[in-house]
Amino acid sequence: MGHFEARTSTEPGRLVVALAGECDLAGRDELAAVLLAAVDRTSVVFVDLAGLTFIDSSGVHGLVTAYHAARQTGGRLYVINAGGTVAEVLDLTGIGDLLRPPADRIDGHHA
């Protein structure tokens, strides 16, 4: 079982949840709690996957659940900085496209 960590920080105009380690069944509850709390706090949440080395269906499910929770309140949830096998999993499942921020939102500002 790998280590998993989710840290929340506030940046101008958005909240960022940085994930690190391996996001699998063992981290499912922590992921869900952190993401749902984030979408309850603000309308735009960016999930930074730069430090994530692994994601399985439990992690994908957590991202999709938080995405739908954000949409229900008029908010948005985006993933950024996915790489390696994490990016591959997101692309294979279609979640990469679903949660990709518009080009003008990547830096947190409108074009």
PDB file of N, CA and C in Angstrom:
ATOM      1  N   MET A   1       0.849  -1.179   0.000  1.00  0.00           N
ATOM      2  CA  MET A   1       0.000   0.000   0.000  1.00  0.00           C
ATOM      3  C   MET A   1       0.893   1.240   0.000  1.00  0.00           C
ATOM      4  N   GLY A   2       0.675   2.119  -0.965  1.00  0.00           N
ATOM      5  CA  GLY A   2       1.493   3.312  -1.094  1.00  0.00           C
ATOM      6  C   GLY A   2       0.957   4.470  -0.279  1.00  0.00           C
ATOM      7  N   HIS A   3       1.778   5.461  -0.119  1.00  0.00           N
ATOM      8  CA  HIS A   3       1.422   6.670   0.616  1.00  0.00           C
ATOM      9  C   HIS A   3       0.552   7.560  -0.274  1.00  0.00           C
ATOM     10  N   PHE A   4      -0.449   8.215   0.320  1.00  0.00           N
ATOM     11  CA  PHE A   4      -1.302   9.161  -0.403  1.00  0.00           C
ATOM     12  C   PHE A   4      -1.479  10.394   0.451  1.00  0.00           C
ATOM     13  N   GLU A   5      -1.441  11.552  -0.200  1.00  0.00           N
ATOM     14  CA  GLU A   5      -1.611  12.816   0.511  1.00  0.00           C
ATOM     15  C   GLU A   5      -2.412  13.770  -0.350  1.00  0.00           C
ATOM     16  N   ALA A   6      -3.315  14.518   0.282  1.00  0.00           N
ATOM     17  CA  ALA A   6      -4.088  15.555  -0.393  1.00  0.00           C
ATOM     18  C   ALA A   6      -3.962  16.835   0.430  1.00  0.00           C
ATOM     19  N   ARG A   7      -3.420  17.882  -0.196  1.00  0.00           N
ATOM     20  CA  ARG A   7      -3.238  19.171   0.489  1.00  0.00           C
ATOM     21  C   ARG A   7      -4.025  20.242  -0.256  1.00  0.00           C
ATOM     22  N   THR A   8      -4.682  21.094   0.508  1.00  0.00           N
ATOM     23  CA  THR A   8      -5.486  22.170  -0.069  1.00  0.00           C
ATOM     24  C   THR A   8      -4.802  23.501   0.182  1.00  0.00           C
ATOM     25  N   SER A   9      -4.776  24.341  -0.859  1.00  0.00           N
ATOM     26  CA  SER A   9      -4.241  25.690  -0.720  1.00  0.00           C
ATOM     27  C   SER A   9      -5.108  26.640  -1.518  1.00  0.00           C
ATOM     28  N   THR A  10      -5.055  27.901  -1.129  1.00  0.00           N
ATOM     29  CA  THR A  10      -5.844  28.921  -1.813  1.00  0.00           C
ATOM     30  C   THR A  10      -4.916  29.789  -2.640  1.00  0.00           C
ATOM     31  N   GLU A  11      -5.291  29.980  -3.882  1.00  0.00           N
ATOM     32  CA  GLU A  11      -4.577  30.895  -4.773  1.00  0.00           C
ATOM     33  C   GLU A  11      -5.590  31.926  -5.252  1.00  0.00           C
ATOM     34  N   PRO A  12      -5.133  33.043  -5.799  1.00  0.00           N
ATOM     35  CA  PRO A  12      -6.080  34.066  -6.250  1.00  0.00           C
ATOM     36  C   PRO A  12      -7.108  33.489  -7.233  1.00  0.00           C
ATOM     37  N   GLY A  13      -8.389  33.583  -6.853  1.00  0.00           N
ATOM     38  CA  GLY A  13      -9.471  33.174  -7.733  1.00  0.00           C
ATOM     39  C   GLY A  13      -9.747  31.683  -7.806  1.00  0.00           C
ATOM     40  N   ARG A  14      -9.045  30.881  -6.999  1.00  0.00           N
ATOM     41  CA  ARG A  14      -9.294  29.440  -7.058  1.00  0.00           C
ATOM     42  C   ARG A  14      -8.728  28.732  -5.837  1.00  0.00           C
ATOM     43  N   LEU A  15      -9.191  27.521  -5.662  1.00  0.00           N
ATOM     44  CA  LEU A  15      -8.683  26.647  -4.617  1.00  0.00           C
ATOM     45  C   LEU A  15      -7.952  25.514  -5.323  1.00  0.00           C
ATOM     46  N   VAL A  16      -6.799  25.129  -4.801  1.00  0.00           N
ATOM     47  CA  VAL A  16      -6.006  24.065  -5.414  1.00  0.00           C
ATOM     48  C   VAL A  16      -5.879  22.908  -4.420  1.00  0.00           C
ATOM     49  N   VAL A  17      -6.212  21.716  -4.888  1.00  0.00           N
ATOM     50  CA  VAL A  17      -5.999  20.499  -4.110  1.00  0.00           C
ATOM     51  C   VAL A  17      -4.866  19.753  -4.788  1.00  0.00           C
ATOM     52  N   ALA A  18      -3.733  19.632  -4.103  1.00  0.00           N
ATOM     53  CA  ALA A  18      -2.565  18.934  -4.656  1.00  0.00           C
ATOM     54  C   ALA A  18      -2.562  17.506  -4.121  1.00  0.00           C
ATOM     55  N   LEU A  19      -2.547  16.545  -5.048  1.00  0.00           N
ATOM     56  CA  LEU A  19      -2.506  15.140  -4.678  1.00  0.00           C
ATOM     57  C   LEU A  19      -1.098  14.615  -4.877  1.00  0.00           C
ATOM     58  N   ALA A  20      -0.656  13.749  -3.978  1.00  0.00           N
ATOM     59  CA  ALA A  20       0.683  13.173  -4.074  1.00  0.00           C
ATOM     60  C   ALA A  20       0.639  11.706  -3.664  1.00  0.00           C
ATOM     61  N   GLY A  21       1.506  10.928  -4.287  1.00  0.00           N
ATOM     62  CA  GLY A  21       1.625   9.516  -3.943  1.00  0.00           C
ATOM     63  C   GLY A  21       0.747   8.644  -4.804  1.00  0.00           C
ATOM     64  N   GLU A  22       0.151   7.626  -4.172  1.00  0.00           N
ATOM     65  CA  GLU A  22      -0.666   6.646  -4.883  1.00  0.00           C
ATOM     66  C   GLU A  22      -2.116   6.752  -4.433  1.00  0.00           C
ATOM     67  N   CYS A  23      -2.990   7.063  -5.367  1.00  0.00           N
ATOM     68  CA  CYS A  23      -4.408   7.229  -5.072  1.00  0.00           C
ATOM     69  C   CYS A  23      -5.132   5.944  -5.451  1.00  0.00           C
ATOM     70  N   ASP A  24      -5.391   5.120  -4.428  1.00  0.00           N
ATOM     71  CA  ASP A  24      -6.071   3.856  -4.647  1.00  0.00           C
ATOM     72  C   ASP A  24      -7.150   3.689  -3.575  1.00  0.00           C
ATOM     73  N   LEU A  25      -7.637   2.480  -3.413  1.00  0.00           N
ATOM     74  CA  LEU A  25      -8.718   2.222  -2.469  1.00  0.00           C
ATOM     75  C   LEU A  25      -8.390   2.719  -1.061  1.00  0.00           C
ATOM     76  N   ALA A  26      -7.146   2.606  -0.647  1.00  0.00           N
ATOM     77  CA  ALA A  26      -6.740   3.025   0.694  1.00  0.00           C
ATOM     78  C   ALA A  26      -6.906   4.534   0.903  1.00  0.00           C
ATOM     79  N   GLY A  27      -6.772   5.333  -0.165  1.00  0.00           N
ATOM     80  CA  GLY A  27      -6.900   6.785  -0.061  1.00  0.00           C
ATOM     81  C   GLY A  27      -8.248   7.315  -0.486  1.00  0.00           C
ATOM     82  N   ARG A  28      -9.153   6.419  -0.839  1.00  0.00           N
ATOM     83  CA  ARG A  28     -10.452   6.837  -1.394  1.00  0.00           C
ATOM     84  C   ARG A  28     -11.215   7.776  -0.473  1.00  0.00           C
ATOM     85  N   ASP A  29     -11.314   7.435   0.807  1.00  0.00           N
ATOM     86  CA  ASP A  29     -12.099   8.250   1.731  1.00  0.00           C
ATOM     87  C   ASP A  29     -11.485   9.632   1.928  1.00  0.00           C
ATOM     88  N   GLU A  30     -10.147   9.683   2.048  1.00  0.00           N
ATOM     89  CA  GLU A  30      -9.470  10.974   2.198  1.00  0.00           C
ATOM     90  C   GLU A  30      -9.672  11.828   0.949  1.00  0.00           C
ATOM     91  N   LEU A  31      -9.513  11.216  -0.226  1.00  0.00           N
ATOM     92  CA  LEU A  31      -9.707  11.949  -1.481  1.00  0.00           C
ATOM     93  C   LEU A  31     -11.109  12.525  -1.562  1.00  0.00           C
ATOM     94  N   ALA A  32     -12.114  11.700  -1.302  1.00  0.00           N
ATOM     95  CA  ALA A  32     -13.500  12.160  -1.371  1.00  0.00           C
ATOM     96  C   ALA A  32     -13.763  13.297  -0.393  1.00  0.00           C
ATOM     97  N   ALA A  33     -13.296  13.153   0.835  1.00  0.00           N
ATOM     98  CA  ALA A  33     -13.536  14.182   1.853  1.00  0.00           C
ATOM     99  C   ALA A  33     -12.895  15.512   1.471  1.00  0.00           C
ATOM    100  N   VAL A  34     -11.644  15.471   1.015  1.00  0.00           N
ATOM    101  CA  VAL A  34     -10.929  16.701   0.661  1.00  0.00           C
ATOM    102  C   VAL A  34     -11.565  17.369  -0.559  1.00  0.00           C
ATOM    103  N   LEU A  35     -11.873  16.590  -1.586  1.00  0.00           N
ATOM    104  CA  LEU A  35     -12.447  17.179  -2.801  1.00  0.00           C
ATOM    105  C   LEU A  35     -13.853  17.724  -2.567  1.00  0.00           C
ATOM    106  N   LEU A  36     -14.681  16.988  -1.844  1.00  0.00           N
ATOM    107  CA  LEU A  36     -16.037  17.477  -1.590  1.00  0.00           C
ATOM    108  C   LEU A  36     -16.020  18.721  -0.702  1.00  0.00           C
ATOM    109  N   ALA A  37     -15.103  18.780   0.264  1.00  0.00           N
ATOM    110  CA  ALA A  37     -14.967  19.990   1.079  1.00  0.00           C
ATOM    111  C   ALA A  37     -14.524  21.170   0.219  1.00  0.00           C
ATOM    112  N   ALA A  38     -13.636  20.901  -0.733  1.00  0.00           N
ATOM    113  CA  ALA A  38     -13.148  21.976  -1.607  1.00  0.00           C
ATOM    114  C   ALA A  38     -14.259  22.527  -2.489  1.00  0.00           C
ATOM    115  N   VAL A  39     -15.057  21.668  -3.102  1.00  0.00           N
ATOM    116  CA  VAL A  39     -16.120  22.166  -3.980  1.00  0.00           C
ATOM    117  C   VAL A  39     -17.235  22.837  -3.186  1.00  0.00           C
ATOM    118  N   ASP A  40     -17.357  22.499  -1.887  1.00  0.00           N
ATOM    119  CA  ASP A  40     -18.316  23.196  -1.035  1.00  0.00           C
ATOM    120  C   ASP A  40     -17.841  24.602  -0.691  1.00  0.00           C
ATOM    121  N   ARG A  41     -16.517  24.815  -0.676  1.00  0.00           N
ATOM    122  CA  ARG A  41     -15.943  26.108  -0.263  1.00  0.00           C
ATOM    123  C   ARG A  41     -15.896  27.134  -1.372  1.00  0.00           C
ATOM    124  N   THR A  42     -15.753  26.697  -2.623  1.00  0.00           N
ATOM    125  CA  THR A  42     -15.549  27.652  -3.706  1.00  0.00           C
ATOM    126  C   THR A  42     -16.089  27.113  -5.017  1.00  0.00           C
ATOM    127  N   SER A  43     -16.230  27.978  -6.002  1.00  0.00           N
ATOM    128  CA  SER A  43     -16.831  27.552  -7.265  1.00  0.00           C
ATOM    129  C   SER A  43     -15.829  27.003  -8.272  1.00  0.00           C
ATOM    130  N   VAL A  44     -14.536  27.267  -8.072  1.00  0.00           N
ATOM    131  CA  VAL A  44     -13.521  26.754  -9.001  1.00  0.00           C
ATOM    132  C   VAL A  44     -12.438  26.025  -8.211  1.00  0.00           C
ATOM    133  N   VAL A  45     -12.309  24.731  -8.494  1.00  0.00           N
ATOM    134  CA  VAL A  45     -11.317  23.900  -7.818  1.00  0.00           C
ATOM    135  C   VAL A  45     -10.410  23.282  -8.872  1.00  0.00           C
ATOM    136  N   PHE A  46      -9.105  23.433  -8.668  1.00  0.00           N
ATOM    137  CA  PHE A  46      -8.115  22.791  -9.523  1.00  0.00           C
ATOM    138  C   PHE A  46      -7.473  21.666  -8.717  1.00  0.00           C
ATOM    139  N   VAL A  47      -7.430  20.477  -9.299  1.00  0.00           N
ATOM    140  CA  VAL A  47      -6.795  19.334  -8.647  1.00  0.00           C
ATOM    141  C   VAL A  47      -5.459  19.127  -9.356  1.00  0.00           C
ATOM    142  N   ASP A  48      -4.381  19.412  -8.639  1.00  0.00           N
ATOM    143  CA  ASP A  48      -3.025  19.329  -9.197  1.00  0.00           C
ATOM    144  C   ASP A  48      -2.492  17.909  -8.993  1.00  0.00           C
ATOM    145  N   LEU A  49      -2.272  17.212 -10.106  1.00  0.00           N
ATOM    146  CA  LEU A  49      -1.847  15.819 -10.055  1.00  0.00           C
ATOM    147  C   LEU A  49      -0.350  15.641 -10.276  1.00  0.00           C
ATOM    148  N   ALA A  50       0.426  16.716 -10.211  1.00  0.00           N
ATOM    149  CA  ALA A  50       1.871  16.641 -10.489  1.00  0.00           C
ATOM    150  C   ALA A  50       2.579  15.638  -9.582  1.00  0.00           C
ATOM    151  N   GLY A  51       2.159  15.522  -8.338  1.00  0.00           N
ATOM    152  CA  GLY A  51       2.824  14.631  -7.396  1.00  0.00           C
ATOM    153  C   GLY A  51       2.211  13.241  -7.311  1.00  0.00           C
ATOM    154  N   LEU A  52       1.193  12.991  -8.127  1.00  0.00           N
ATOM    155  CA  LEU A  52       0.517  11.695  -8.090  1.00  0.00           C
ATOM    156  C   LEU A  52       1.243  10.714  -8.995  1.00  0.00           C
ATOM    157  N   THR A  53       1.583   9.550  -8.453  1.00  0.00           N
ATOM    158  CA  THR A  53       2.318   8.552  -9.231  1.00  0.00           C
ATOM    159  C   THR A  53       1.439   7.401  -9.692  1.00  0.00           C
ATOM    160  N   PHE A  54       0.238   7.260  -9.093  1.00  0.00           N
ATOM    161  CA  PHE A  54      -0.651   6.157  -9.434  1.00  0.00           C
ATOM    162  C   PHE A  54      -2.085   6.550  -9.122  1.00  0.00           C
ATOM    163  N   ILE A  55      -3.008   6.144  -9.980  1.00  0.00           N
ATOM    164  CA  ILE A  55      -4.439   6.324  -9.701  1.00  0.00           C
ATOM    165  C   ILE A  55      -5.169   5.106 -10.237  1.00  0.00           C
ATOM    166  N   ASP A  56      -6.111   4.600  -9.435  1.00  0.00           N
ATOM    167  CA  ASP A  56      -6.909   3.475  -9.902  1.00  0.00           C
ATOM    168  C   ASP A  56      -8.374   3.916 -10.004  1.00  0.00           C
ATOM    169  N   SER A  57      -9.260   2.957 -10.191  1.00  0.00           N
ATOM    170  CA  SER A  57     -10.671   3.299 -10.388  1.00  0.00           C
ATOM    171  C   SER A  57     -11.264   4.007  -9.172  1.00  0.00           C
ATOM    172  N   SER A  58     -10.752   3.742  -7.978  1.00  0.00           N
ATOM    173  CA  SER A  58     -11.231   4.433  -6.775  1.00  0.00           C
ATOM    174  C   SER A  58     -10.938   5.928  -6.863  1.00  0.00           C
ATOM    175  N   GLY A  59      -9.724   6.267  -7.313  1.00  0.00           N
ATOM    176  CA  GLY A  59      -9.351   7.668  -7.469  1.00  0.00           C
ATOM    177  C   GLY A  59     -10.130   8.349  -8.580  1.00  0.00           C
ATOM    178  N   VAL A  60     -10.297   7.650  -9.695  1.00  0.00           N
ATOM    179  CA  VAL A  60     -11.079   8.192 -10.810  1.00  0.00           C
ATOM    180  C   VAL A  60     -12.511   8.458 -10.351  1.00  0.00           C
ATOM    181  N   HIS A  61     -13.071   7.519  -9.609  1.00  0.00           N
ATOM    182  CA  HIS A  61     -14.433   7.686  -9.100  1.00  0.00           C
ATOM    183  C   HIS A  61     -14.525   8.909  -8.190  1.00  0.00           C
ATOM    184  N   GLY A  62     -13.524   9.121  -7.338  1.00  0.00           N
ATOM    185  CA  GLY A  62     -13.513  10.284  -6.460  1.00  0.00           C
ATOM    186  C   GLY A  62     -13.487  11.595  -7.230  1.00  0.00           C
ATOM    187  N   LEU A  63     -12.692  11.633  -8.297  1.00  0.00           N
ATOM    188  CA  LEU A  63     -12.643  12.837  -9.137  1.00  0.00           C
ATOM    189  C   LEU A  63     -13.994  13.102  -9.803  1.00  0.00           C
ATOM    190  N   VAL A  64     -14.615  12.051 -10.332  1.00  0.00           N
ATOM    191  CA  VAL A  64     -15.901  12.204 -11.020  1.00  0.00           C
ATOM    192  C   VAL A  64     -16.993  12.620 -10.034  1.00  0.00           C
ATOM    193  N   THR A  65     -16.989  12.029  -8.838  1.00  0.00           N
ATOM    194  CA  THR A  65     -17.971  12.393  -7.818  1.00  0.00           C
ATOM    195  C   THR A  65     -17.845  13.872  -7.452  1.00  0.00           C
ATOM    196  N   ALA A  66     -16.620  14.344  -7.253  1.00  0.00           N
ATOM    197  CA  ALA A  66     -16.399  15.759  -6.914  1.00  0.00           C
ATOM    198  C   ALA A  66     -16.779  16.666  -8.087  1.00  0.00           C
ATOM    199  N   TYR A  67     -16.498  16.229  -9.311  1.00  0.00           N
ATOM    200  CA  TYR A  67     -16.884  16.992 -10.506  1.00  0.00           C
ATOM    201  C   TYR A  67     -18.396  17.197 -10.526  1.00  0.00           C
ATOM    202  N   HIS A  68     -19.156  16.132 -10.313  1.00  0.00           N
ATOM    203  CA  HIS A  68     -20.621  16.234 -10.322  1.00  0.00           C
ATOM    204  C   HIS A  68     -21.131  17.087  -9.164  1.00  0.00           C
ATOM    205  N   ALA A  69     -20.509  16.974  -7.999  1.00  0.00           N
ATOM    206  CA  ALA A  69     -20.903  17.800  -6.855  1.00  0.00           C
ATOM    207  C   ALA A  69     -20.685  19.279  -7.167  1.00  0.00           C
ATOM    208  N   ALA A  70     -19.568  19.604  -7.814  1.00  0.00           N
ATOM    209  CA  ALA A  70     -19.289  20.994  -8.193  1.00  0.00           C
ATOM    210  C   ALA A  70     -20.319  21.484  -9.205  1.00  0.00           C
ATOM    211  N   ARG A  71     -20.618  20.677 -10.202  1.00  0.00           N
ATOM    212  CA  ARG A  71     -21.582  21.066 -11.238  1.00  0.00           C
ATOM    213  C   ARG A  71     -22.967  21.338 -10.657  1.00  0.00           C
ATOM    214  N   GLN A  72     -23.368  20.571  -9.646  1.00  0.00           N
ATOM    215  CA  GLN A  72     -24.692  20.742  -9.043  1.00  0.00           C
ATOM    216  C   GLN A  72     -24.853  22.110  -8.396  1.00  0.00           C
ATOM    217  N   THR A  73     -23.751  22.714  -7.990  1.00  0.00           N
ATOM    218  CA  THR A  73     -23.818  24.039  -7.365  1.00  0.00           C
ATOM    219  C   THR A  73     -23.328  25.137  -8.302  1.00  0.00           C
ATOM    220  N   GLY A  74     -23.184  24.806  -9.588  1.00  0.00           N
ATOM    221  CA  GLY A  74     -22.739  25.798 -10.559  1.00  0.00           C
ATOM    222  C   GLY A  74     -21.238  25.990 -10.604  1.00  0.00           C
ATOM    223  N   GLY A  75     -20.497  25.148  -9.908  1.00  0.00           N
ATOM    224  CA  GLY A  75     -19.047  25.270  -9.861  1.00  0.00           C
ATOM    225  C   GLY A  75     -18.367  24.394 -10.896  1.00  0.00           C
ATOM    226  N   ARG A  76     -17.038  24.407 -10.852  1.00  0.00           N
ATOM    227  CA  ARG A  76     -16.232  23.607 -11.777  1.00  0.00           C
ATOM    228  C   ARG A  76     -15.070  22.970 -11.031  1.00  0.00           C
ATOM    229  N   LEU A  77     -14.696  21.784 -11.479  1.00  0.00           N
ATOM    230  CA  LEU A  77     -13.529  21.088 -10.956  1.00  0.00           C
ATOM    231  C   LEU A  77     -12.691  20.663 -12.150  1.00  0.00           C
ATOM    232  N   TYR A  78     -11.412  21.011 -12.111  1.00  0.00           N
ATOM    233  CA  TYR A  78     -10.495  20.700 -13.201  1.00  0.00           C
ATOM    234  C   TYR A  78      -9.288  19.949 -12.661  1.00  0.00           C
ATOM    235  N   VAL A  79      -8.691  19.103 -13.498  1.00  0.00           N
ATOM    236  CA  VAL A  79      -7.417  18.493 -13.136  1.00  0.00           C
ATOM    237  C   VAL A  79      -6.314  19.111 -13.987  1.00  0.00           C
ATOM    238  N   ILE A  80      -5.155  19.305 -13.374  1.00  0.00           N
ATOM    239  CA  ILE A  80      -4.001  19.869 -14.070  1.00  0.00           C
ATOM    240  C   ILE A  80      -2.760  19.053 -13.726  1.00  0.00           C
ATOM    241  N   ASN A  81      -1.776  19.132 -14.591  1.00  0.00           N
ATOM    242  CA  ASN A  81      -0.440  18.559 -14.370  1.00  0.00           C
ATOM    243  C   ASN A  81      -0.405  17.038 -14.234  1.00  0.00           C
ATOM    244  N   ALA A  82      -1.345  16.343 -14.870  1.00  0.00           N
ATOM    245  CA  ALA A  82      -1.284  14.876 -14.860  1.00  0.00           C
ATOM    246  C   ALA A  82      -0.143  14.437 -15.772  1.00  0.00           C
ATOM    247  N   GLY A  83       0.585  13.426 -15.359  1.00  0.00           N
ATOM    248  CA  GLY A  83       1.690  12.932 -16.172  1.00  0.00           C
ATOM    249  C   GLY A  83       1.801  11.424 -16.074  1.00  0.00           C
ATOM    250  N   GLY A  84       2.582  10.847 -16.966  1.00  0.00           N
ATOM    251  CA  GLY A  84       2.881   9.420 -16.922  1.00  0.00           C
ATOM    252  C   GLY A  84       1.656   8.539 -16.934  1.00  0.00           C
ATOM    253  N   THR A  85       1.675   7.525 -16.088  1.00  0.00           N
ATOM    254  CA  THR A  85       0.564   6.568 -16.061  1.00  0.00           C
ATOM    255  C   THR A  85      -0.728   7.194 -15.548  1.00  0.00           C
ATOM    256  N   VAL A  86      -0.632   8.225 -14.712  1.00  0.00           N
ATOM    257  CA  VAL A  86      -1.836   8.913 -14.238  1.00  0.00           C
ATOM    258  C   VAL A  86      -2.548   9.560 -15.419  1.00  0.00           C
ATOM    259  N   ALA A  87      -1.806  10.246 -16.290  1.00  0.00           N
ATOM    260  CA  ALA A  87      -2.396  10.858 -17.481  1.00  0.00           C
ATOM    261  C   ALA A  87      -2.989   9.786 -18.403  1.00  0.00           C
ATOM    262  N   GLU A  88      -2.289   8.663 -18.523  1.00  0.00           N
ATOM    263  CA  GLU A  88      -2.782   7.580 -19.368  1.00  0.00           C
ATOM    264  C   GLU A  88      -4.117   7.040 -18.860  1.00  0.00           C
ATOM    265  N   VAL A  89      -4.221   6.829 -17.557  1.00  0.00           N
ATOM    266  CA  VAL A  89      -5.476   6.334 -16.979  1.00  0.00           C
ATOM    267  C   VAL A  89      -6.603   7.337 -17.215  1.00  0.00           C
ATOM    268  N   LEU A  90      -6.325   8.611 -16.988  1.00  0.00           N
ATOM    269  CA  LEU A  90      -7.355   9.630 -17.186  1.00  0.00           C
ATOM    270  C   LEU A  90      -7.783   9.705 -18.641  1.00  0.00           C
ATOM    271  N   ASP A  91      -6.831   9.583 -19.569  1.00  0.00           N
ATOM    272  CA  ASP A  91      -7.169   9.626 -20.991  1.00  0.00           C
ATOM    273  C   ASP A  91      -7.933   8.379 -21.425  1.00  0.00           C
ATOM    274  N   LEU A  92      -7.525   7.212 -20.949  1.00  0.00           N
ATOM    275  CA  LEU A  92      -8.209   5.965 -21.309  1.00  0.00           C
ATOM    276  C   LEU A  92      -9.651   5.941 -20.829  1.00  0.00           C
ATOM    277  N   THR A  93      -9.912   6.539 -19.683  1.00  0.00           N
ATOM    278  CA  THR A  93     -11.260   6.546 -19.125  1.00  0.00           C
ATOM    279  C   THR A  93     -12.107   7.716 -19.638  1.00  0.00           C
ATOM    280  N   GLY A  94     -11.494   8.654 -20.342  1.00  0.00           N
ATOM    281  CA  GLY A  94     -12.215   9.836 -20.818  1.00  0.00           C
ATOM    282  C   GLY A  94     -12.283  10.944 -19.791  1.00  0.00           C
ATOM    283  N   ILE A  95     -11.778  10.690 -18.605  1.00  0.00           N
ATOM    284  CA  ILE A  95     -11.837  11.686 -17.531  1.00  0.00           C
ATOM    285  C   ILE A  95     -10.893  12.855 -17.812  1.00  0.00           C
ATOM    286  N   GLY A  96      -9.790  12.581 -18.503  1.00  0.00           N
ATOM    287  CA  GLY A  96      -8.849  13.652 -18.839  1.00  0.00           C
ATOM    288  C   GLY A  96      -9.518  14.755 -19.631  1.00  0.00           C
ATOM    289  N   ASP A  97     -10.318  14.376 -20.624  1.00  0.00           N
ATOM    290  CA  ASP A  97     -11.037  15.376 -21.421  1.00  0.00           C
ATOM    291  C   ASP A  97     -12.138  16.052 -20.608  1.00  0.00           C
ATOM    292  N   LEU A  98     -12.861  15.265 -19.811  1.00  0.00           N
ATOM    293  CA  LEU A  98     -13.964  15.804 -19.022  1.00  0.00           C
ATOM    294  C   LEU A  98     -13.489  16.867 -18.043  1.00  0.00           C
ATOM    295  N   LEU A  99     -12.329  16.646 -17.430  1.00  0.00           N
ATOM    296  CA  LEU A  99     -11.855  17.535 -16.366  1.00  0.00           C
ATOM    297  C   LEU A  99     -10.745  18.489 -16.804  1.00  0.00           C
ATOM    298  N   ARG A 100     -10.446  18.535 -18.099  1.00  0.00           N
ATOM    299  CA  ARG A 100      -9.407  19.439 -18.593  1.00  0.00           C
ATOM    300  C   ARG A 100      -9.933  20.872 -18.561  1.00  0.00           C
ATOM    301  N   PRO A 101      -9.167  21.783 -17.985  1.00  0.00           N
ATOM    302  CA  PRO A 101      -9.620  23.181 -17.947  1.00  0.00           C
ATOM    303  C   PRO A 101      -9.549  23.814 -19.330  1.00  0.00           C
ATOM    304  N   PRO A 102     -10.439  24.763 -19.605  1.00  0.00           N
ATOM    305  CA  PRO A 102     -10.318  25.523 -20.848  1.00  0.00           C
ATOM    306  C   PRO A 102      -8.966  26.235 -20.873  1.00  0.00           C
ATOM    307  N   ALA A 103      -8.428  26.469 -22.043  1.00  0.00           N
ATOM    308  CA  ALA A 103      -7.093  27.065 -22.173  1.00  0.00           C
ATOM    309  C   ALA A 103      -6.977  28.388 -21.419  1.00  0.00           C
ATOM    310  N   ASP A 104      -8.057  29.153 -21.362  1.00  0.00           N
ATOM    311  CA  ASP A 104      -7.999  30.451 -20.686  1.00  0.00           C
ATOM    312  C   ASP A 104      -8.118  30.339 -19.173  1.00  0.00           C
ATOM    313  N   ARG A 105      -8.305  29.126 -18.630  1.00  0.00           N
ATOM    314  CA  ARG A 105      -8.448  28.978 -17.178  1.00  0.00           C
ATOM    315  C   ARG A 105      -7.231  28.325 -16.531  1.00  0.00           C
ATOM    316  N   ILE A 106      -6.293  27.847 -17.304  1.00  0.00           N
ATOM    317  CA  ILE A 106      -5.162  27.110 -16.732  1.00  0.00           C
ATOM    318  C   ILE A 106      -4.393  27.956 -15.729  1.00  0.00           C
ATOM    319  N   ASP A 107      -4.176  29.205 -16.046  1.00  0.00           N
ATOM    320  CA  ASP A 107      -3.429  30.046 -15.110  1.00  0.00           C
ATOM    321  C   ASP A 107      -4.334  30.750 -14.105  1.00  0.00           C
ATOM    322  N   GLY A 108      -5.623  30.406 -14.145  1.00  0.00           N
ATOM    323  CA  GLY A 108      -6.551  30.974 -13.164  1.00  0.00           C
ATOM    324  C   GLY A 108      -7.162  32.291 -13.594  1.00  0.00           C
ATOM    325  N   HIS A 109      -6.841  32.771 -14.774  1.00  0.00           N
ATOM    326  CA  HIS A 109      -7.358  34.037 -15.250  1.00  0.00           C
ATOM    327  C   HIS A 109      -8.040  33.835 -16.588  1.00  0.00           C
ATOM    328  N   HIS A 110      -9.028  34.642 -16.843  1.00  0.00           N
ATOM    329  CA  HIS A 110      -9.679  34.610 -18.159  1.00  0.00           C
ATOM    330  C   HIS A 110      -8.807  35.329 -19.168  1.00  0.00           C
ATOM    331  N   ALA A 111      -8.851  34.868 -20.419  1.00  0.00           N
ATOM    332  CA  ALA A 111      -8.050  35.488 -21.473  1.00  0.00           C
ATOM    333  C   ALA A 111      -8.593  36.842 -21.842  1.00  0.00           C
TER     334      ALA A 111
END
